[in-house]
Amino acid sequence: MQSTSTASLQSTAKTRDDKKSILSRPLKGKSDANGHANKKEHSILPFKRKDTVADTKSSKDPNGHTGGSGLYHLDTDITRMEGIVDHKQPMTPPADTDQIYSGGAPGDQQSRREPVRNEETGAWDAPDSWAVKRVADENVGRLKELDDEGNVAKDEDRGPMYFMRIFRADSTFAVISASLNTTAAELISMMAKKTFLQDELDNYQIVMRKHDTSRQLEPGERPLVLQKRLLEMVGYAPNDRLEDLGREDHGYLCRFTFLPAKMSGYSSLERDPGFNKMQRFNHIDLSGRNLITIPITLYQKATEIITLNLSRNLKLDIPKDFVQSCTQLREIKYNSNEAWKLPSSLSLATKLTMLDVSNNRLEQLEHAEMDRLSGLVSLKLSNNKLSSIPPNFGQYYALRSLNLSSNSLTEFPNALRSLSTLVDLDVSFN
């Protein structure tokens, strides 16, 4: 009992001494008797520790190990950025137009000049689907008249003033009075004076709709001549005062509309319920959609397309990169497009077996490079203005059907004599 009491008293005394030592310690964050602030000895942030700062000054490596604490120094000095940020470079290129700016200091540019690229070494062309403006077609100047003979008043003979209704996108219209030789570009300037434009004139155009097809008029075309010829075709005579008939609405015959370029021709298939329900894209029919280019939706399905109908799209351009993507394409219909020449992209469909380009205005085929389509089985060229056939037609080793009816041939083409596989040949109405 005595030994137990003695041990209990010693334990109680030790507990009291520990409490006194704890109470005698200054509180964290409080000032001691000398007025000095007591700081935390164990900080979570390594750069708050005095010993860490001291170690940093004596260490060669700013990110070197600080000791047994397992922490690294956080460098917050933004005045020393060597090896992290390059020296500041000028933001504008040199004023010398002959000098090619390569990003260095102005004094270094003399040693970094690059030689001017020789055009003969070749040039890179943007893909056709990028809709980059290209060199104008040499046949565009021939689209000034509607009839085959091109009977139109001479430029120096302005003649009487003719009237024409030109509609806007909101279905309102303006009546324009101009001479017969006024071009589409001049009519756009006249419409700009009567319309509040939100863009430059280059971004506007005149679209002619005829029946269920429409196309953009080239700047050199003469809309008043087109209107006059169409009125004569339906029976109007000069004594009917053709110059005044344009005041009325002839929508049953043709209609001219003043539109921004972004509102015409770039048709999308996303809202077409027929295309949304399609599970397979083997047979694509784009006829009569008034397109000027291939809808972007079809690029994703290009490898599935076997037949492609592009008829009755009067200003359709077929990008070369799209045709090259159609690796399974076997049949193309490109009829009734009022084309003066075939798109050069058609020759890239090397697996083609059937091509229909009838009911156009083709006068020659030398430009088309059709000898690349050596696997053709059927070729329709009827109702054009062909006066001759290229000699390379004799290379068609598989051609069985050829239609050349209703053209301007004056003699039997010699190239056809080499077609040993030909079964069906139509050269009527020549």
Foldseek 3Di string as FASTA:
>chain_A
DVVVVVVVVVVVVVVVVVVVVVVPDDDQQDADPVRDHHHDQDDPQQVVHPQQVVQCVVDPDQQDDSPDPRDGHDDPDPVDQPPNDDDDWDPDADPDPQFDDDTHHPVCRVVVGDDDDDCVVDDDDDFVVVVDDDDDDPCLLVQQADDPVPDDDDPVPQDAWAWAWAAEPVRDTDIDTGTQQQFFLNVLVVVCVVDPDPDDSVQKFKWKDAALAIDTRDRRYGVSNVQLVQVVVVPDDVVVVRRHVNVDDPVNGMHIYMYGNVVAAQDACPPPPVVVPDPAAQAEAPASVLHQEDHPVCQVRLCRYAEYEHERNQNHAYILVSLLSNQNYAYYEYENNQDQADHLSVLNNQNYAYYHHEHYAHAAHPVNPVLSNLNYQEYEHEQYAYQAYDLSLLSNQRHAEYEHDNYNHPDDYPSVVNHPNYNYYHHYHD
